[in-house]
Amino acid sequence: MNKRPRSEAELLALISRELPTVDAGVLTGIGDDCAVLQPVAENASLELLKTDALVESVHFANGTPWHKVGWKALCRPLSDIAAMGGSPRHALITIAAPSSWTSSDWRTLYRGIGKAAREFGVSVVGGETVRSTGPLFLSVTLTGSVSARNLKLRSGAKPGDLICVTGKLGGSLKSGRHLSFQPRVAEGRWLGGEAAVTAMMDLSDGLGSDLPKMAIESSCAFRLALDSLPRHSSCSVSAALSDGEDYELLLTVNPRLWPSLQSRWDLASPKLSLTPIGVMLPYGEESTPLLDGYDHLAPKRPKR
């Protein structure tokens, strides 16, 4: 019979078996009051910090297999680290779960978290577990690092820069890709090392919401060639703009350096497309009208 964990100590022992061995820089991980990390070499890199949350029936439907929830929980902030041109390092996982959760529920959730941690080189070093009287709630805090010269922000785009996206857009929720997507960690790190790339962010709320955010931060307007949007099979332009949860990378590129970047990208990532979809314009010009993507504060949108 599958029983509930009888104590926090028993739960920690249980979930620790689902996680990868921590890296050599972790002096104290799960099991103490705080994680203790060896600092990286002084001035060697910048530290990235990201927190991200999932709520049952908002970010995933009731009945979703717990290993898929665990995968998504860690991969969402991984996508943000990728968008900065960085490398992920350490994670803290906070979970509020119903008291009815059994050992199997916990292990299955952490099996998904552990799989993502192994694949992308993350050390899970601690967190918190508490009871919830409502739906399951997860919060992931993730650290990363990036050299100052490779850091990519939303604010670096210039008028005339090409707007590009990796992969294809649209249909993530309908297809279930929002539970199994691959964060573009290696690709983001590669793009971070390219001087041609002037700005970058990840596409989580949909191109229709995320591109305007980049334009505002860069003090630009934009023009899109909507027919050029790379779309998954059977997805419309409106779906590519507004469905959200694509977890691809949106970036801008110096047009003079685009041909060289494209050639090297094709060699470095032959299985993933990098598609120009428009151009940045000077601030004050009229941007292409877009359908909005997802907004958590807009109640009209359906649950994810």
C-alpha atoms as a PDB file:
ATOM      1  CA  MET A   1       0.000   0.000   0.000  1.00  0.00           C
ATOM      2  CA  ASN A   2       1.349   3.409  -0.964  1.00  0.00           C
ATOM      3  CA  LYS A   3       1.481   5.507   2.227  1.00  0.00           C
ATOM      4  CA  ARG A   4       1.996   9.182   2.931  1.00  0.00           C
ATOM      5  CA  PRO A   5       5.447  10.223   4.212  1.00  0.00           C
ATOM      6  CA  ARG A   6       5.370  10.203   8.038  1.00  0.00           C
ATOM      7  CA  SER A   7       7.779  13.113   8.503  1.00  0.00           C
ATOM      8  CA  GLU A   8       9.755  15.789   6.677  1.00  0.00           C
ATOM      9  CA  ALA A   9      12.908  13.764   7.244  1.00  0.00           C
ATOM     10  CA  GLU A  10      11.341  10.755   5.536  1.00  0.00           C
ATOM     11  CA  LEU A  11      10.148  12.965   2.663  1.00  0.00           C
ATOM     12  CA  LEU A  12      13.600  14.520   2.182  1.00  0.00           C
ATOM     13  CA  ALA A  13      15.193  11.083   2.064  1.00  0.00           C
ATOM     14  CA  LEU A  14      12.573   9.960  -0.455  1.00  0.00           C
ATOM     15  CA  ILE A  15      12.883  12.881  -2.886  1.00  0.00           C
ATOM     16  CA  SER A  16      16.676  13.039  -2.637  1.00  0.00           C
ATOM     17  CA  ARG A  17      16.829   9.655  -4.371  1.00  0.00           C
ATOM     18  CA  GLU A  18      15.147  11.187  -7.441  1.00  0.00           C
ATOM     19  CA  LEU A  19      17.657  14.042  -7.836  1.00  0.00           C
ATOM     20  CA  PRO A  20      21.134  14.069  -9.401  1.00  0.00           C
ATOM     21  CA  THR A  21      24.309  14.370  -7.361  1.00  0.00           C
ATOM     22  CA  VAL A  22      25.090  18.016  -6.632  1.00  0.00           C
ATOM     23  CA  ASP A  23      28.098  19.698  -8.216  1.00  0.00           C
ATOM     24  CA  ALA A  24      31.443  20.162  -6.468  1.00  0.00           C
ATOM     25  CA  GLY A  25      30.650  23.793  -5.622  1.00  0.00           C
ATOM     26  CA  VAL A  26      27.863  22.753  -3.215  1.00  0.00           C
ATOM     27  CA  LEU A  27      29.301  22.575   0.298  1.00  0.00           C
ATOM     28  CA  THR A  28      25.946  21.844   1.973  1.00  0.00           C
ATOM     29  CA  GLY A  29      22.747  21.019   0.107  1.00  0.00           C
ATOM     30  CA  ILE A  30      19.425  19.445   1.082  1.00  0.00           C
ATOM     31  CA  GLY A  31      19.155  18.677   4.798  1.00  0.00           C
ATOM     32  CA  ASP A  32      20.559  21.777   6.500  1.00  0.00           C
ATOM     33  CA  ASP A  33      18.995  25.153   7.331  1.00  0.00           C
ATOM     34  CA  CYS A  34      20.580  26.750   4.246  1.00  0.00           C
ATOM     35  CA  ALA A  35      22.463  25.589   1.196  1.00  0.00           C
ATOM     36  CA  VAL A  36      26.123  26.616   1.257  1.00  0.00           C
ATOM     37  CA  LEU A  37      27.771  27.268  -2.106  1.00  0.00           C
ATOM     38  CA  GLN A  38      31.399  27.858  -3.000  1.00  0.00           C
ATOM     39  CA  PRO A  39      31.602  31.233  -4.780  1.00  0.00           C
ATOM     40  CA  VAL A  40      32.780  31.325  -8.375  1.00  0.00           C
ATOM     41  CA  ALA A  41      36.073  33.015  -9.144  1.00  0.00           C
ATOM     42  CA  GLU A  42      35.924  36.752  -8.492  1.00  0.00           C
ATOM     43  CA  ASN A  43      34.958  38.794 -11.566  1.00  0.00           C
ATOM     44  CA  ALA A  44      34.707  35.627 -13.662  1.00  0.00           C
ATOM     45  CA  SER A  45      30.977  35.923 -14.310  1.00  0.00           C
ATOM     46  CA  LEU A  46      27.720  37.613 -13.428  1.00  0.00           C
ATOM     47  CA  GLU A  47      25.172  35.799 -11.276  1.00  0.00           C
ATOM     48  CA  LEU A  48      21.662  35.265 -12.642  1.00  0.00           C
ATOM     49  CA  LEU A  49      18.678  34.830 -10.303  1.00  0.00           C
ATOM     50  CA  LYS A  50      15.222  33.686 -11.370  1.00  0.00           C
ATOM     51  CA  THR A  51      12.087  32.531  -9.582  1.00  0.00           C
ATOM     52  CA  ASP A  52       9.067  30.920 -11.240  1.00  0.00           C
ATOM     53  CA  ALA A  53       5.806  29.422  -9.954  1.00  0.00           C
ATOM     54  CA  LEU A  54       3.257  26.835 -11.098  1.00  0.00           C
ATOM     55  CA  VAL A  55      -0.298  26.495  -9.790  1.00  0.00           C
ATOM     56  CA  GLU A  56      -2.517  23.489 -10.416  1.00  0.00           C
ATOM     57  CA  SER A  57      -5.432  24.241 -12.803  1.00  0.00           C
ATOM     58  CA  VAL A  58      -3.676  27.441 -13.951  1.00  0.00           C
ATOM     59  CA  HIS A  59      -0.374  26.217 -15.423  1.00  0.00           C
ATOM     60  CA  PHE A  60      -1.409  22.581 -15.792  1.00  0.00           C
ATOM     61  CA  ALA A  61      -4.735  20.772 -15.745  1.00  0.00           C
ATOM     62  CA  ASN A  62      -5.987  18.583 -12.927  1.00  0.00           C
ATOM     63  CA  GLY A  63      -4.895  15.028 -13.586  1.00  0.00           C
ATOM     64  CA  THR A  64      -1.657  15.935 -15.379  1.00  0.00           C
ATOM     65  CA  PRO A  65       0.978  13.259 -14.609  1.00  0.00           C
ATOM     66  CA  TRP A  66       3.199  14.559 -11.844  1.00  0.00           C
ATOM     67  CA  HIS A  67       6.464  13.804 -13.661  1.00  0.00           C
ATOM     68  CA  LYS A  68       5.369  16.166 -16.452  1.00  0.00           C
ATOM     69  CA  VAL A  69       4.567  18.860 -13.889  1.00  0.00           C
ATOM     70  CA  GLY A  70       8.037  18.416 -12.380  1.00  0.00           C
ATOM     71  CA  TRP A  71       9.706  18.709 -15.775  1.00  0.00           C
ATOM     72  CA  LYS A  72       7.793  21.890 -16.600  1.00  0.00           C
ATOM     73  CA  ALA A  73       8.435  23.418 -13.164  1.00  0.00           C
ATOM     74  CA  LEU A  74      12.215  23.390 -13.638  1.00  0.00           C
ATOM     75  CA  CYS A  75      12.291  23.955 -17.396  1.00  0.00           C
ATOM     76  CA  ARG A  76      10.349  27.241 -17.234  1.00  0.00           C
ATOM     77  CA  PRO A  77      13.079  29.143 -15.343  1.00  0.00           C
ATOM     78  CA  LEU A  78      15.706  27.284 -17.378  1.00  0.00           C
ATOM     79  CA  SER A  79      14.241  28.994 -20.443  1.00  0.00           C
ATOM     80  CA  ASP A  80      14.765  32.379 -18.773  1.00  0.00           C
ATOM     81  CA  ILE A  81      18.397  31.607 -17.972  1.00  0.00           C
ATOM     82  CA  ALA A  82      18.852  30.588 -21.618  1.00  0.00           C
ATOM     83  CA  ALA A  83      17.404  33.919 -22.763  1.00  0.00           C
ATOM     84  CA  MET A  84      20.138  35.776 -20.875  1.00  0.00           C
ATOM     85  CA  GLY A  85      22.858  33.774 -22.636  1.00  0.00           C
ATOM     86  CA  GLY A  86      23.627  32.040 -19.338  1.00  0.00           C
ATOM     87  CA  SER A  87      24.270  28.627 -17.821  1.00  0.00           C
ATOM     88  CA  PRO A  88      22.040  27.255 -15.016  1.00  0.00           C
ATOM     89  CA  ARG A  89      23.614  26.280 -11.707  1.00  0.00           C
ATOM     90  CA  HIS A  90      21.519  25.714  -8.568  1.00  0.00           C
ATOM     91  CA  ALA A  91      17.818  25.357  -7.761  1.00  0.00           C
ATOM     92  CA  LEU A  92      15.637  25.692  -4.665  1.00  0.00           C
ATOM     93  CA  ILE A  93      12.238  23.974  -4.879  1.00  0.00           C
ATOM     94  CA  THR A  94       9.283  25.077  -2.719  1.00  0.00           C
ATOM     95  CA  ILE A  95       6.145  22.938  -2.845  1.00  0.00           C
ATOM     96  CA  ALA A  96       2.780  23.285  -1.110  1.00  0.00           C
ATOM     97  CA  ALA A  97       0.981  19.969  -1.593  1.00  0.00           C
ATOM     98  CA  PRO A  98      -2.262  18.477  -0.257  1.00  0.00           C
ATOM     99  CA  SER A  99      -1.877  16.349   2.872  1.00  0.00           C
ATOM    100  CA  SER A 100      -3.297  13.412   0.913  1.00  0.00           C
ATOM    101  CA  TRP A 101      -0.144  13.160  -1.210  1.00  0.00           C
ATOM    102  CA  THR A 102       1.504   9.760  -1.026  1.00  0.00           C
ATOM    103  CA  SER A 103       5.139   8.785  -1.350  1.00  0.00           C
ATOM    104  CA  SER A 104       4.425   7.821  -4.958  1.00  0.00           C
ATOM    105  CA  ASP A 105       3.084  11.317  -5.731  1.00  0.00           C
ATOM    106  CA  TRP A 106       6.200  12.948  -4.307  1.00  0.00           C
ATOM    107  CA  ARG A 107       8.597  10.588  -6.036  1.00  0.00           C
ATOM    108  CA  THR A 108       6.861  10.964  -9.396  1.00  0.00           C
ATOM    109  CA  LEU A 109       6.959  14.766  -9.203  1.00  0.00           C
ATOM    110  CA  TYR A 110      10.632  14.758  -8.275  1.00  0.00           C
ATOM    111  CA  ARG A 111      11.378  12.214 -10.986  1.00  0.00           C
ATOM    112  CA  GLY A 112      10.401  14.916 -13.504  1.00  0.00           C
ATOM    113  CA  ILE A 113      12.391  17.580 -11.671  1.00  0.00           C
ATOM    114  CA  GLY A 114      15.379  15.246 -11.448  1.00  0.00           C
ATOM    115  CA  LYS A 115      15.235  14.392 -15.133  1.00  0.00           C
ATOM    116  CA  ALA A 116      15.383  18.079 -16.092  1.00  0.00           C
ATOM    117  CA  ALA A 117      18.135  18.719 -13.536  1.00  0.00           C
ATOM    118  CA  ARG A 118      20.281  15.932 -14.978  1.00  0.00           C
ATOM    119  CA  GLU A 119      19.735  16.949 -18.576  1.00  0.00           C
ATOM    120  CA  PHE A 120      20.605  20.618 -18.042  1.00  0.00           C
ATOM    121  CA  GLY A 121      23.250  20.367 -15.324  1.00  0.00           C
ATOM    122  CA  VAL A 122      21.287  21.799 -12.385  1.00  0.00           C
ATOM    123  CA  SER A 123      22.044  21.002  -8.742  1.00  0.00           C
ATOM    124  CA  VAL A 124      18.914  21.002  -6.559  1.00  0.00           C
ATOM    125  CA  VAL A 125      20.278  22.246  -3.233  1.00  0.00           C
ATOM    126  CA  GLY A 126      17.207  22.776  -1.055  1.00  0.00           C
ATOM    127  CA  GLY A 127      13.791  24.384  -0.735  1.00  0.00           C
ATOM    128  CA  GLU A 128      10.685  23.912   1.388  1.00  0.00           C
ATOM    129  CA  THR A 129       7.739  21.518   1.630  1.00  0.00           C
ATOM    130  CA  VAL A 130       4.448  22.487   3.279  1.00  0.00           C
ATOM    131  CA  ARG A 131       0.829  21.373   3.303  1.00  0.00           C
ATOM    132  CA  SER A 132      -1.721  23.079   1.083  1.00  0.00           C
ATOM    133  CA  THR A 133      -5.453  23.294   1.740  1.00  0.00           C
ATOM    134  CA  GLY A 134      -5.953  24.174  -1.899  1.00  0.00           C
ATOM    135  CA  PRO A 135      -4.335  23.167  -5.196  1.00  0.00           C
ATOM    136  CA  LEU A 136      -0.710  22.152  -5.634  1.00  0.00           C
ATOM    137  CA  PHE A 137       1.697  25.099  -5.737  1.00  0.00           C
ATOM    138  CA  LEU A 138       5.355  24.944  -6.811  1.00  0.00           C
ATOM    139  CA  SER A 139       7.955  27.684  -6.767  1.00  0.00           C
ATOM    140  CA  VAL A 140      11.426  27.227  -8.255  1.00  0.00           C
ATOM    141  CA  THR A 141      14.324  29.576  -7.577  1.00  0.00           C
ATOM    142  CA  LEU A 142      17.140  29.063 -10.062  1.00  0.00           C
ATOM    143  CA  THR A 143      20.594  30.583 -10.208  1.00  0.00           C
ATOM    144  CA  GLY A 144      22.827  30.850 -13.240  1.00  0.00           C
ATOM    145  CA  SER A 145      25.959  32.537 -14.472  1.00  0.00           C
ATOM    146  CA  VAL A 146      27.033  34.415 -17.575  1.00  0.00           C
ATOM    147  CA  SER A 147      30.114  36.368 -18.509  1.00  0.00           C
ATOM    148  CA  ALA A 148      29.534  40.110 -18.798  1.00  0.00           C
ATOM    149  CA  ARG A 149      30.419  40.110 -22.492  1.00  0.00           C
ATOM    150  CA  ASN A 150      27.855  37.375 -23.246  1.00  0.00           C
ATOM    151  CA  LEU A 151      24.934  38.824 -21.274  1.00  0.00           C
ATOM    152  CA  LYS A 152      21.867  39.486 -23.431  1.00  0.00           C
ATOM    153  CA  LEU A 153      19.066  41.784 -22.263  1.00  0.00           C
ATOM    154  CA  ARG A 154      15.706  42.830 -23.683  1.00  0.00           C
ATOM    155  CA  SER A 155      16.912  46.408 -23.932  1.00  0.00           C
ATOM    156  CA  GLY A 156      19.700  46.093 -26.516  1.00  0.00           C
ATOM    157  CA  ALA A 157      17.740  46.162 -29.782  1.00  0.00           C
ATOM    158  CA  LYS A 158      18.332  49.034 -32.231  1.00  0.00           C
ATOM    159  CA  PRO A 159      16.237  50.367 -35.149  1.00  0.00           C
ATOM    160  CA  GLY A 160      17.068  48.289 -38.211  1.00  0.00           C
ATOM    161  CA  ASP A 161      17.858  45.125 -36.255  1.00  0.00           C
ATOM    162  CA  LEU A 162      16.276  41.943 -37.586  1.00  0.00           C
ATOM    163  CA  ILE A 163      13.731  40.229 -35.317  1.00  0.00           C
ATOM    164  CA  CYS A 164      14.247  36.454 -35.212  1.00  0.00           C
ATOM    165  CA  VAL A 165      12.820  33.424 -33.413  1.00  0.00           C
ATOM    166  CA  THR A 166      14.108  29.911 -32.839  1.00  0.00           C
ATOM    167  CA  GLY A 167      11.932  26.917 -33.677  1.00  0.00           C
ATOM    168  CA  LYS A 168       8.194  27.097 -34.362  1.00  0.00           C
ATOM    169  CA  LEU A 169       5.306  28.807 -32.601  1.00  0.00           C
ATOM    170  CA  GLY A 170       1.714  28.050 -31.652  1.00  0.00           C
ATOM    171  CA  GLY A 171      -0.375  25.141 -30.407  1.00  0.00           C
ATOM    172  CA  SER A 172       1.614  24.389 -27.267  1.00  0.00           C
ATOM    173  CA  LEU A 173      -1.373  23.831 -24.978  1.00  0.00           C
ATOM    174  CA  LYS A 174      -3.459  21.913 -27.495  1.00  0.00           C
ATOM    175  CA  SER A 175      -0.562  19.592 -28.386  1.00  0.00           C
ATOM    176  CA  GLY A 176       0.750  19.151 -24.842  1.00  0.00           C
ATOM    177  CA  ARG A 177       4.146  20.633 -25.733  1.00  0.00           C
ATOM    178  CA  HIS A 178       3.806  23.006 -22.774  1.00  0.00           C
ATOM    179  CA  LEU A 179       4.527  19.969 -20.569  1.00  0.00           C
ATOM    180  CA  SER A 180       7.405  18.502 -22.590  1.00  0.00           C
ATOM    181  CA  PHE A 181       9.207  21.426 -24.250  1.00  0.00           C
ATOM    182  CA  GLN A 182      12.983  21.654 -24.419  1.00  0.00           C
ATOM    183  CA  PRO A 183      14.349  24.921 -22.987  1.00  0.00           C
ATOM    184  CA  ARG A 184      16.928  26.319 -25.423  1.00  0.00           C
ATOM    185  CA  VAL A 185      19.772  26.350 -22.904  1.00  0.00           C
ATOM    186  CA  ALA A 186      22.609  25.331 -25.247  1.00  0.00           C
ATOM    187  CA  GLU A 187      21.284  27.535 -28.029  1.00  0.00           C
ATOM    188  CA  GLY A 188      20.890  30.536 -25.712  1.00  0.00           C
ATOM    189  CA  ARG A 189      24.446  30.101 -24.469  1.00  0.00           C
ATOM    190  CA  TRP A 190      25.686  29.959 -28.077  1.00  0.00           C
ATOM    191  CA  LEU A 191      23.722  33.064 -29.051  1.00  0.00           C
ATOM    192  CA  GLY A 192      25.042  34.826 -25.964  1.00  0.00           C
ATOM    193  CA  GLY A 193      28.529  34.497 -27.388  1.00  0.00           C
ATOM    194  CA  GLU A 194      27.548  36.174 -30.658  1.00  0.00           C
ATOM    195  CA  ALA A 195      28.185  39.912 -30.972  1.00  0.00           C
ATOM    196  CA  ALA A 196      25.579  40.021 -33.765  1.00  0.00           C
ATOM    197  CA  VAL A 197      22.803  39.340 -31.225  1.00  0.00           C
ATOM    198  CA  THR A 198      21.712  42.643 -29.679  1.00  0.00           C
ATOM    199  CA  ALA A 199      18.763  41.590 -27.473  1.00  0.00           C
ATOM    200  CA  MET A 200      17.081  38.356 -26.392  1.00  0.00           C
ATOM    201  CA  MET A 201      14.190  37.010 -24.293  1.00  0.00           C
ATOM    202  CA  ASP A 202      12.191  33.800 -24.046  1.00  0.00           C
ATOM    203  CA  LEU A 203       8.694  33.381 -25.473  1.00  0.00           C
ATOM    204  CA  SER A 204       6.462  32.248 -22.624  1.00  0.00           C
ATOM    205  CA  ASP A 205       3.399  34.482 -22.882  1.00  0.00           C
ATOM    206  CA  GLY A 206       3.219  34.503 -26.678  1.00  0.00           C
ATOM    207  CA  LEU A 207       4.904  36.599 -29.361  1.00  0.00           C
ATOM    208  CA  GLY A 208       1.996  39.053 -29.313  1.00  0.00           C
ATOM    209  CA  SER A 209       2.767  39.965 -25.700  1.00  0.00           C
ATOM    210  CA  ASP A 210       6.512  39.353 -25.513  1.00  0.00           C
ATOM    211  CA  LEU A 211       7.722  41.282 -28.585  1.00  0.00           C
ATOM    212  CA  PRO A 212       6.072  44.528 -27.402  1.00  0.00           C
ATOM    213  CA  LYS A 213       7.836  44.076 -24.049  1.00  0.00           C
ATOM    214  CA  MET A 214      11.194  43.887 -25.830  1.00  0.00           C
ATOM    215  CA  ALA A 215      10.323  46.886 -27.996  1.00  0.00           C
ATOM    216  CA  ILE A 216       9.404  48.977 -24.951  1.00  0.00           C
ATOM    217  CA  GLU A 217      12.612  48.042 -23.123  1.00  0.00           C
ATOM    218  CA  SER A 218      14.660  48.901 -26.236  1.00  0.00           C
ATOM    219  CA  SER A 219      12.737  52.143 -26.974  1.00  0.00           C
ATOM    220  CA  CYS A 220      11.804  50.856 -30.444  1.00  0.00           C
ATOM    221  CA  ALA A 221       8.775  50.089 -32.553  1.00  0.00           C
ATOM    222  CA  PHE A 222       8.587  47.019 -34.803  1.00  0.00           C
ATOM    223  CA  ARG A 223       7.282  45.701 -38.080  1.00  0.00           C
ATOM    224  CA  LEU A 224       6.495  42.004 -38.533  1.00  0.00           C
ATOM    225  CA  ALA A 225       5.993  39.989 -41.698  1.00  0.00           C
ATOM    226  CA  LEU A 226       3.170  37.900 -40.229  1.00  0.00           C
ATOM    227  CA  ASP A 227       3.193  35.376 -43.067  1.00  0.00           C
ATOM    228  CA  SER A 228       6.817  34.581 -42.227  1.00  0.00           C
ATOM    229  CA  LEU A 229       6.086  33.375 -38.690  1.00  0.00           C
ATOM    230  CA  PRO A 230       7.356  29.777 -38.312  1.00  0.00           C
ATOM    231  CA  ARG A 231       4.323  27.806 -37.119  1.00  0.00           C
ATOM    232  CA  HIS A 232       3.660  24.288 -35.981  1.00  0.00           C
ATOM    233  CA  SER A 233       1.457  22.170 -38.204  1.00  0.00           C
ATOM    234  CA  SER A 234      -2.172  23.343 -38.391  1.00  0.00           C
ATOM    235  CA  CYS A 235      -1.425  26.512 -36.389  1.00  0.00           C
ATOM    236  CA  SER A 236      -2.755  29.838 -37.633  1.00  0.00           C
ATOM    237  CA  VAL A 237      -0.931  33.160 -37.449  1.00  0.00           C
ATOM    238  CA  SER A 238      -3.192  34.157 -34.569  1.00  0.00           C
ATOM    239  CA  ALA A 239      -2.230  30.971 -32.688  1.00  0.00           C
ATOM    240  CA  ALA A 240       1.462  31.687 -33.247  1.00  0.00           C
ATOM    241  CA  LEU A 241       0.953  35.172 -31.803  1.00  0.00           C
ATOM    242  CA  SER A 242      -1.290  34.470 -28.853  1.00  0.00           C
ATOM    243  CA  ASP A 243      -1.220  30.833 -27.709  1.00  0.00           C
ATOM    244  CA  GLY A 244       1.887  31.283 -25.563  1.00  0.00           C
ATOM    245  CA  GLU A 245       4.038  28.682 -23.769  1.00  0.00           C
ATOM    246  CA  ASP A 246       6.321  28.251 -26.784  1.00  0.00           C
ATOM    247  CA  TYR A 247       9.560  28.614 -24.750  1.00  0.00           C
ATOM    248  CA  GLU A 248      11.496  29.533 -27.868  1.00  0.00           C
ATOM    249  CA  LEU A 249      13.967  32.421 -28.004  1.00  0.00           C
ATOM    250  CA  LEU A 250      13.102  35.831 -29.425  1.00  0.00           C
ATOM    251  CA  LEU A 251      16.162  37.831 -30.455  1.00  0.00           C
ATOM    252  CA  THR A 252      17.298  40.793 -32.510  1.00  0.00           C
ATOM    253  CA  VAL A 253      20.314  40.706 -34.814  1.00  0.00           C
ATOM    254  CA  ASN A 254      22.494  43.362 -36.410  1.00  0.00           C
ATOM    255  CA  PRO A 255      21.493  43.091 -40.098  1.00  0.00           C
ATOM    256  CA  ARG A 256      25.081  43.510 -41.353  1.00  0.00           C
ATOM    257  CA  LEU A 257      26.151  40.472 -39.319  1.00  0.00           C
ATOM    258  CA  TRP A 258      23.100  38.303 -40.063  1.00  0.00           C
ATOM    259  CA  PRO A 259      24.520  36.325 -43.059  1.00  0.00           C
ATOM    260  CA  SER A 260      27.541  35.185 -41.054  1.00  0.00           C
ATOM    261  CA  LEU A 261      25.449  34.394 -37.973  1.00  0.00           C
ATOM    262  CA  GLN A 262      22.967  32.388 -40.029  1.00  0.00           C
ATOM    263  CA  SER A 263      25.722  30.272 -41.601  1.00  0.00           C
ATOM    264  CA  ARG A 264      27.301  29.471 -38.244  1.00  0.00           C
ATOM    265  CA  TRP A 265      23.909  28.796 -36.640  1.00  0.00           C
ATOM    266  CA  ASP A 266      23.082  26.244 -39.325  1.00  0.00           C
ATOM    267  CA  LEU A 267      26.301  24.400 -38.454  1.00  0.00           C
ATOM    268  CA  ALA A 268      25.868  24.687 -34.690  1.00  0.00           C
ATOM    269  CA  SER A 269      22.120  23.860 -34.540  1.00  0.00           C
ATOM    270  CA  PRO A 270      21.186  22.054 -37.762  1.00  0.00           C
ATOM    271  CA  LYS A 271      17.933  20.666 -36.314  1.00  0.00           C
ATOM    272  CA  LEU A 272      16.552  23.975 -35.033  1.00  0.00           C
ATOM    273  CA  SER A 273      15.488  26.829 -37.278  1.00  0.00           C
ATOM    274  CA  LEU A 274      16.369  30.487 -36.717  1.00  0.00           C
ATOM    275  CA  THR A 275      13.907  32.596 -38.685  1.00  0.00           C
ATOM    276  CA  PRO A 276      13.841  36.363 -39.387  1.00  0.00           C
ATOM    277  CA  ILE A 277      10.275  37.595 -38.904  1.00  0.00           C
ATOM    278  CA  GLY A 278      10.569  41.383 -38.949  1.00  0.00           C
ATOM    279  CA  VAL A 279      12.612  44.464 -38.157  1.00  0.00           C
ATOM    280  CA  MET A 280      12.891  46.939 -35.307  1.00  0.00           C
ATOM    281  CA  LEU A 281      11.814  50.520 -36.099  1.00  0.00           C
ATOM    282  CA  PRO A 282      12.653  53.880 -34.513  1.00  0.00           C
ATOM    283  CA  TYR A 283      10.616  54.801 -31.469  1.00  0.00           C
ATOM    284  CA  GLY A 284       7.447  56.665 -32.400  1.00  0.00           C
ATOM    285  CA  GLU A 285       6.774  54.809 -35.641  1.00  0.00           C
ATOM    286  CA  GLU A 286       3.663  52.639 -35.809  1.00  0.00           C
ATOM    287  CA  SER A 287       4.188  49.000 -34.815  1.00  0.00           C
ATOM    288  CA  THR A 288       2.418  46.088 -36.483  1.00  0.00           C
ATOM    289  CA  PRO A 289      -0.867  45.468 -34.594  1.00  0.00           C
ATOM    290  CA  LEU A 290      -0.686  42.141 -32.763  1.00  0.00           C
ATOM    291  CA  LEU A 291      -3.062  39.862 -30.889  1.00  0.00           C
ATOM    292  CA  ASP A 292      -2.160  39.792 -27.213  1.00  0.00           C
ATOM    293  CA  GLY A 293      -0.639  36.712 -25.659  1.00  0.00           C
ATOM    294  CA  TYR A 294      -1.270  35.457 -22.134  1.00  0.00           C
ATOM    295  CA  ASP A 295      -1.605  37.794 -19.141  1.00  0.00           C
ATOM    296  CA  HIS A 296      -2.158  36.357 -15.639  1.00  0.00           C
ATOM    297  CA  LEU A 297      -4.020  39.498 -14.591  1.00  0.00           C
ATOM    298  CA  ALA A 298      -6.488  39.295 -17.474  1.00  0.00           C
ATOM    299  CA  PRO A 299      -9.376  37.047 -16.275  1.00  0.00           C
ATOM    300  CA  LYS A 300     -10.806  36.632 -19.763  1.00  0.00           C
ATOM    301  CA  ARG A 301      -8.060  34.189 -20.783  1.00  0.00           C
ATOM    302  CA  PRO A 302      -8.677  30.431 -20.304  1.00  0.00           C
ATOM    303  CA  LYS A 303      -6.757  28.299 -17.831  1.00  0.00           C
ATOM    304  CA  ARG A 304      -3.476  26.889 -19.077  1.00  0.00           C
END
